Amino acid sequence: MASIRFGQIQEFMWQAVSRPLNEDYSSKKRWIDGKSFEVSASDFIKPNEKLSSAQRVQIYNQQYWYRLLDCLEDDFPGLRAVLGASGFLRLATEYLNEYPSRSFSLRDLGCDLPEFVDARQDLIAPNATLCGELARFEWAQVVAFDGPSLEPIDDEYIRTANPETLKVSLQPYLTLLELTHALDHYSVALNRHARDRSEAGSKKCEADTVESGGEPAPWPVLEHIYLVVHRHENTVYFKRIDVSGFLILRALSRGQSLSEALNNAVEFMQENAIPLEGLQNDIQKSFALWNRLGWLQNGNGLNRQS
C-alpha cells in the first residue's frame, strides 16, 4: 500500500464507483484488467471485520448508480409514468451506459436523453412518439429552471427598429415545442396524482405508478399543440401559443429577421388555408405579451448575460 500513489487510489475509486452494476445491482466480479475484483480492490482498500475490500467498494458503486437513476427519475417523471418503473429503469440504465455522467452537476445528467430516446425506440415501444415528446418536454423544464438569461429588449426598441433588418432572438432558457399530446395538462394532472397518492402514501406506500397498485396514473391526451416552456419570476411555466406565434418565434430563434419571420408565417398559413383575419392585431398583441414575459432579446448578441 505504501508504494501506491494517492492519484492511483483516486483513479481506482473513480473507475470502481462509476462502472455499471450487474443486473442484480451487485458490482462486477471482474476488474477492468480481467483480474478478480476482490483481489484488485484489496490492493487499494482495506477490509474490516464485517466487509471485504470488494464489499466496501461495492457500497459506493451501488450508491453512485442509485443516485444517478434517482436524478433521472426526478427529472423525467412523466416518462417514468408512461414506461412504468421497470421500463424506465431499463431505459435509464441503457442511457447511462452510453452517456455516463461527465459534469460536476447532476443538472446536466439528462441532457442527451431526448436524442437517446429517438435513437433507441426499441426501449420505448409501442409509445415511441409520446416518449420522444415527453423527453423533450421534461428536459425543457430543466433548461427553463436554471438556464442562462440575457437582458430583454423593450417595446420601444421593436417599434423603432427596421423590420427588414431587425433580428430578435429568444432567451436561452426558453424552448419551443410542437406536440401531438397535451403534455402541459398531463404534467399538471400527474403532479396532482402524485400529490394525492403521496398523501395517501402516509397510510400505504409509494404510489406513482400502476405497478405499485391503486389508482393508475393519468395518461396523456392526444392534442396537437404549440407550447413554450419558459420561466417567469423564477418559476417554470408552460404557455400554449397559436400556430402563427409558433412559426414566428421558431423563425426568430433560427436567426431570421423579423420581416422574414412574419412573411414565412403568412405564407404557411396561406398554404394551409388558415384564416388571416385579425392576424396583424394578434401578432402585435403577441409581441407585447412575449416582451412582457421577457422572452425576447437582442438577436445581434449585444445584450449582456445576467
Protein backbone atom coordinates (compact mmCIF):
# COMPACT_ATOMS: atom_id res chain seq x y z
CA MET A 1 0.00 0.00 0.00
CA ALA A 2 2.86 2.39 0.83
CA SER A 3 4.11 2.31 -2.76
CA ILE A 4 0.73 3.29 -4.22
CA ARG A 5 0.33 6.97 -5.02
CA PHE A 6 -2.72 8.94 -3.99
CA GLY A 7 -3.56 9.60 -7.64
CA GLN A 8 -3.68 5.86 -8.27
CA ILE A 9 -6.16 5.43 -5.42
CA GLN A 10 -8.30 8.23 -6.84
CA GLU A 11 -8.28 6.65 -10.28
CA PHE A 12 -9.17 3.23 -8.90
CA MET A 13 -12.04 4.60 -6.80
CA TRP A 14 -13.50 6.56 -9.70
CA GLN A 15 -13.41 3.56 -12.01
CA ALA A 16 -14.77 1.26 -9.30
CA VAL A 17 -17.57 3.61 -8.25
CA SER A 18 -18.74 4.65 -11.71
CA ARG A 19 -18.63 1.36 -13.61
CA PRO A 20 -22.03 -0.22 -14.40
CA LEU A 21 -23.62 -2.66 -11.99
CA ASN A 22 -24.77 -6.19 -12.73
CA GLU A 23 -28.46 -6.84 -13.32
CA ASP A 24 -28.86 -7.77 -9.65
CA TYR A 25 -27.25 -4.41 -8.66
CA SER A 26 -24.06 -6.02 -7.43
CA SER A 27 -20.62 -4.89 -8.56
CA LYS A 28 -19.00 -6.79 -11.39
CA LYS A 29 -16.84 -9.68 -10.23
CA ARG A 30 -14.02 -8.93 -12.65
CA TRP A 31 -11.93 -5.78 -12.72
CA ILE A 32 -11.17 -3.95 -15.98
CA ASP A 33 -7.91 -5.89 -16.39
CA GLY A 34 -9.72 -9.23 -16.07
CA LYS A 35 -8.49 -9.91 -12.54
CA SER A 36 -10.84 -10.75 -9.71
CA PHE A 37 -12.37 -7.54 -8.35
CA GLU A 38 -11.83 -8.88 -4.83
CA VAL A 39 -8.09 -9.07 -5.49
CA SER A 40 -7.92 -5.68 -7.24
CA ALA A 41 -9.91 -3.95 -4.51
CA SER A 42 -7.64 -5.36 -1.80
CA ASP A 43 -4.68 -3.62 -3.46
CA PHE A 44 -6.22 -0.26 -2.58
CA ILE A 45 -8.85 -0.69 0.13
CA LYS A 46 -8.51 -2.45 3.47
CA PRO A 47 -11.22 -4.85 4.62
CA ASN A 48 -12.81 -4.50 8.02
CA GLU A 49 -14.23 -7.01 10.46
CA LYS A 50 -17.56 -7.18 8.61
CA LEU A 51 -16.86 -6.41 4.95
CA SER A 52 -14.23 -7.45 2.45
CA SER A 53 -12.42 -4.85 0.35
CA ALA A 54 -14.69 -5.51 -2.62
CA GLN A 55 -17.82 -5.31 -0.47
CA ARG A 56 -16.77 -1.94 0.91
CA VAL A 57 -16.23 -0.55 -2.58
CA GLN A 58 -19.48 -2.08 -3.80
CA ILE A 59 -21.44 0.13 -1.39
CA TYR A 60 -20.12 3.24 -3.15
CA ASN A 61 -20.62 1.69 -6.58
CA GLN A 62 -24.26 0.98 -5.78
CA GLN A 63 -24.96 4.37 -4.20
CA TYR A 64 -23.43 6.17 -7.17
CA TRP A 65 -25.76 4.41 -9.58
CA TYR A 66 -28.79 4.70 -7.32
CA ARG A 67 -28.21 8.44 -7.17
CA LEU A 68 -27.95 8.80 -10.95
CA LEU A 69 -31.08 6.75 -11.53
CA ASP A 70 -32.97 8.75 -8.90
CA CYS A 71 -31.96 12.00 -10.60
CA LEU A 72 -33.26 10.85 -13.97
CA GLU A 73 -36.47 9.69 -12.34
CA ASP A 74 -36.91 13.10 -10.71
CA ASP A 75 -36.25 14.99 -13.95
CA PHE A 76 -38.44 12.78 -16.16
CA PRO A 77 -41.47 11.78 -14.05
CA GLY A 78 -43.86 11.71 -16.99
CA LEU A 79 -41.61 9.42 -18.99
CA ARG A 80 -41.32 7.13 -15.99
CA ALA A 81 -45.09 7.04 -15.53
CA VAL A 82 -45.66 6.08 -19.17
CA LEU A 83 -42.94 3.42 -19.26
CA GLY A 84 -43.56 2.11 -15.77
CA ALA A 85 -40.88 1.57 -13.14
CA SER A 86 -39.18 -1.40 -14.84
CA GLY A 87 -39.35 0.10 -18.33
CA PHE A 88 -37.91 3.40 -17.19
CA LEU A 89 -35.16 1.66 -15.22
CA ARG A 90 -34.13 -0.23 -18.35
CA LEU A 91 -34.14 2.97 -20.41
CA ALA A 92 -32.22 4.94 -17.80
CA THR A 93 -29.61 2.22 -17.33
CA GLU A 94 -29.00 1.87 -21.07
CA TYR A 95 -28.79 5.66 -21.35
CA LEU A 96 -26.23 5.98 -18.56
CA ASN A 97 -24.14 3.21 -20.07
CA GLU A 98 -23.97 5.18 -23.32
CA TYR A 99 -23.93 8.67 -21.81
CA PRO A 100 -22.17 8.43 -18.44
CA SER A 101 -22.10 11.47 -16.19
CA ARG A 102 -19.42 13.91 -17.38
CA SER A 103 -20.41 17.04 -15.49
CA PHE A 104 -19.81 18.14 -11.92
CA SER A 105 -23.52 18.98 -11.82
CA LEU A 106 -26.28 16.37 -11.90
CA ARG A 107 -28.42 19.02 -13.55
CA ASP A 108 -26.86 18.07 -16.90
CA LEU A 109 -27.32 14.32 -16.50
CA GLY A 110 -30.37 14.04 -18.76
CA CYS A 111 -29.29 16.47 -21.47
CA ASP A 112 -28.82 13.72 -24.07
CA LEU A 113 -31.88 11.68 -23.13
CA PRO A 114 -34.20 13.16 -25.82
CA GLU A 115 -31.67 12.24 -28.51
CA PHE A 116 -31.14 8.80 -26.97
CA VAL A 117 -34.88 8.12 -26.82
CA ASP A 118 -35.24 8.94 -30.51
CA ALA A 119 -32.37 6.59 -31.36
CA ARG A 120 -33.47 3.68 -29.14
CA GLN A 121 -37.11 3.21 -29.95
CA ASP A 122 -36.81 -0.44 -29.01
CA LEU A 123 -36.75 0.73 -25.40
CA ILE A 124 -39.92 2.81 -25.62
CA ALA A 125 -42.19 0.82 -27.97
CA PRO A 126 -45.13 0.99 -28.52
CA ASN A 127 -45.22 4.63 -27.37
CA ALA A 128 -42.26 5.99 -29.29
CA THR A 129 -43.84 9.30 -30.33
CA LEU A 130 -45.22 10.01 -26.87
CA CYS A 131 -41.96 9.13 -25.12
CA GLY A 132 -39.93 11.26 -27.50
CA GLU A 133 -42.19 14.23 -26.82
CA LEU A 134 -42.07 13.64 -23.08
CA ALA A 135 -38.28 13.52 -23.07
CA ARG A 136 -38.06 16.86 -24.88
CA PHE A 137 -40.82 18.42 -22.79
CA GLU A 138 -39.33 17.39 -19.46
CA TRP A 139 -35.78 18.30 -20.41
CA ALA A 140 -37.10 21.72 -21.47
CA GLN A 141 -38.28 22.20 -17.89
CA VAL A 142 -34.77 21.57 -16.58
CA VAL A 143 -33.44 24.17 -19.03
CA ALA A 144 -36.16 26.65 -18.10
CA PHE A 145 -35.48 26.26 -14.40
CA ASP A 146 -31.89 27.47 -14.37
CA GLY A 147 -30.82 28.17 -17.95
CA PRO A 148 -28.97 31.44 -18.62
CA SER A 149 -30.91 34.66 -19.08
CA LEU A 150 -29.98 37.59 -21.34
CA GLU A 151 -31.12 41.17 -20.98
CA PRO A 152 -34.56 41.52 -22.63
CA ILE A 153 -35.35 44.21 -25.17
CA ASP A 154 -38.11 46.77 -24.67
CA ASP A 155 -41.18 47.62 -26.75
CA GLU A 156 -39.66 50.90 -27.97
CA TYR A 157 -36.71 49.05 -29.47
CA ILE A 158 -39.04 46.91 -31.58
CA ARG A 159 -41.29 49.80 -32.61
CA THR A 160 -38.44 51.99 -33.84
CA ALA A 161 -36.26 49.33 -35.49
CA ASN A 162 -36.30 48.49 -39.20
CA PRO A 163 -38.23 45.18 -39.51
CA GLU A 164 -36.22 44.29 -42.63
CA THR A 165 -33.01 44.08 -40.62
CA LEU A 166 -34.22 43.66 -37.05
CA LYS A 167 -33.17 40.34 -35.56
CA VAL A 168 -34.68 39.28 -32.28
CA SER A 169 -33.66 36.08 -30.51
CA LEU A 170 -35.27 34.08 -27.75
CA GLN A 171 -33.98 33.67 -24.22
CA PRO A 172 -31.66 30.64 -23.88
CA TYR A 173 -33.89 29.13 -21.20
CA LEU A 174 -36.94 29.07 -23.48
CA THR A 175 -37.94 26.02 -25.54
CA LEU A 176 -40.50 25.84 -28.36
CA LEU A 177 -42.32 22.55 -28.79
CA GLU A 178 -44.78 21.24 -31.35
CA LEU A 179 -46.52 18.29 -29.72
CA THR A 180 -49.19 15.75 -30.57
CA HIS A 181 -50.13 15.26 -26.92
CA ALA A 182 -51.41 17.74 -24.33
CA LEU A 183 -48.33 17.35 -22.16
CA ASP A 184 -48.92 20.61 -20.30
CA HIS A 185 -52.23 19.30 -18.97
CA TYR A 186 -50.70 15.88 -18.43
CA SER A 187 -47.90 17.34 -16.30
CA VAL A 188 -50.39 19.16 -14.09
CA ALA A 189 -52.55 16.04 -13.76
CA LEU A 190 -49.53 13.86 -13.00
CA ASN A 191 -48.33 16.23 -10.28
CA ARG A 192 -51.81 16.28 -8.77
CA HIS A 193 -51.96 12.49 -8.93
CA ALA A 194 -48.55 12.16 -7.27
CA ARG A 195 -49.56 14.63 -4.57
CA ASP A 196 -52.81 12.78 -3.87
CA ARG A 197 -51.05 9.44 -3.80
CA SER A 198 -48.33 10.86 -1.55
CA GLU A 199 -50.94 11.96 0.95
CA ALA A 200 -52.49 8.51 0.82
CA GLY A 201 -48.99 7.05 0.98
CA SER A 202 -48.64 8.12 4.59
CA LYS A 203 -51.04 5.26 5.22
CA LYS A 204 -49.89 2.95 2.48
CA CYS A 205 -46.63 3.33 0.48
CA GLU A 206 -45.03 4.89 -2.56
CA ALA A 207 -47.65 5.29 -5.26
CA ASP A 208 -46.75 6.87 -8.53
CA THR A 209 -47.09 4.00 -10.98
CA VAL A 210 -49.60 1.36 -11.92
CA GLU A 211 -47.19 -1.26 -10.67
CA SER A 212 -47.49 -0.10 -7.07
CA GLY A 213 -51.22 -0.76 -7.11
CA GLY A 214 -54.14 1.55 -6.54
CA GLU A 215 -55.40 4.24 -8.87
CA PRO A 216 -53.34 4.34 -12.10
CA ALA A 217 -51.51 7.47 -13.18
CA PRO A 218 -53.20 9.67 -15.81
CA TRP A 219 -52.40 9.17 -19.48
CA PRO A 220 -51.57 11.96 -21.96
CA VAL A 221 -54.43 13.02 -24.23
CA LEU A 222 -53.90 13.33 -27.98
CA GLU A 223 -53.98 17.00 -29.00
CA HIS A 224 -51.89 18.96 -31.49
CA ILE A 225 -50.48 21.92 -29.57
CA TYR A 226 -47.74 24.52 -29.77
CA LEU A 227 -46.09 25.06 -26.43
CA VAL A 228 -43.50 27.36 -24.91
CA VAL A 229 -41.66 26.12 -21.83
CA HIS A 230 -40.24 29.14 -20.03
CA ARG A 231 -39.76 30.73 -16.64
CA HIS A 232 -41.10 33.91 -15.12
CA GLU A 233 -40.04 35.28 -11.77
CA ASN A 234 -38.07 32.11 -11.06
CA THR A 235 -40.97 29.76 -11.71
CA VAL A 236 -41.28 27.35 -14.66
CA TYR A 237 -44.41 27.74 -16.80
CA PHE A 238 -45.95 26.18 -19.92
CA LYS A 239 -47.75 28.51 -22.30
CA ARG A 240 -49.73 27.48 -25.35
CA ILE A 241 -49.46 29.68 -28.43
CA ASP A 242 -51.15 29.59 -31.82
CA VAL A 243 -49.50 28.37 -34.99
CA SER A 244 -48.62 31.87 -36.22
CA GLY A 245 -46.88 32.68 -32.95
CA PHE A 246 -45.01 29.39 -33.02
CA LEU A 247 -43.81 29.93 -36.59
CA ILE A 248 -42.65 33.47 -35.85
CA LEU A 249 -40.79 32.52 -32.68
CA ARG A 250 -39.19 29.50 -34.33
CA ALA A 251 -38.02 31.62 -37.25
CA LEU A 252 -36.56 34.23 -34.90
CA SER A 253 -34.77 31.51 -32.94
CA ARG A 254 -33.18 30.36 -36.21
CA GLY A 255 -31.73 33.78 -36.93
CA GLN A 256 -34.29 35.14 -39.38
CA SER A 257 -35.14 38.84 -39.34
CA LEU A 258 -38.50 39.97 -38.04
CA SER A 259 -39.67 40.67 -41.58
CA GLU A 260 -38.65 37.20 -42.78
CA ALA A 261 -40.32 35.55 -39.80
CA LEU A 262 -43.60 37.37 -40.42
CA ASN A 263 -43.57 36.62 -44.15
CA ASN A 264 -42.87 32.93 -43.58
CA ALA A 265 -45.72 32.69 -41.09
CA VAL A 266 -48.15 34.32 -43.52
CA GLU A 267 -47.05 32.02 -46.36
CA PHE A 268 -47.52 28.94 -44.21
CA MET A 269 -50.99 30.00 -43.16
CA GLN A 270 -52.00 30.74 -46.75
CA GLU A 271 -50.67 27.39 -47.97
CA ASN A 272 -52.60 25.57 -45.24
CA ALA A 273 -55.81 27.58 -45.65
CA ILE A 274 -55.53 29.08 -42.16
CA PRO A 275 -57.58 32.32 -41.92
CA LEU A 276 -55.51 35.52 -41.81
CA GLU A 277 -58.31 37.66 -40.43
CA GLY A 278 -57.09 39.68 -37.47
CA LEU A 279 -53.56 38.31 -37.83
CA GLN A 280 -51.84 41.71 -37.65
CA ASN A 281 -53.63 42.65 -34.44
CA ASP A 282 -52.95 39.20 -32.97
CA ILE A 283 -49.24 39.46 -33.77
CA GLN A 284 -49.00 42.90 -32.18
CA LYS A 285 -50.65 41.62 -29.02
CA SER A 286 -48.44 38.55 -29.02
CA PHE A 287 -45.23 40.56 -29.30
CA ALA A 288 -46.34 42.81 -26.45
CA LEU A 289 -47.02 39.74 -24.30
CA TRP A 290 -43.78 37.99 -25.23
CA ASN A 291 -41.83 41.08 -24.34
CA ARG A 292 -43.60 41.49 -21.00
CA LEU A 293 -42.68 37.91 -20.21
CA GLY A 294 -39.06 38.66 -21.11
CA TRP A 295 -38.84 36.10 -23.90
CA LEU A 296 -37.14 38.35 -26.45
CA GLN A 297 -33.56 39.55 -26.50
CA ASN A 298 -31.31 41.30 -28.99
CA GLY A 299 -30.63 38.94 -31.87
CA ASN A 300 -27.38 40.72 -32.69
CA GLY A 301 -25.85 39.49 -29.47
CA LEU A 302 -25.37 42.95 -27.97
CA ASN A 303 -27.02 42.18 -24.66
CA ARG A 304 -25.05 41.07 -21.66
CA GLN A 305 -25.67 37.81 -19.90
CA SER A 306 -27.18 38.25 -16.46
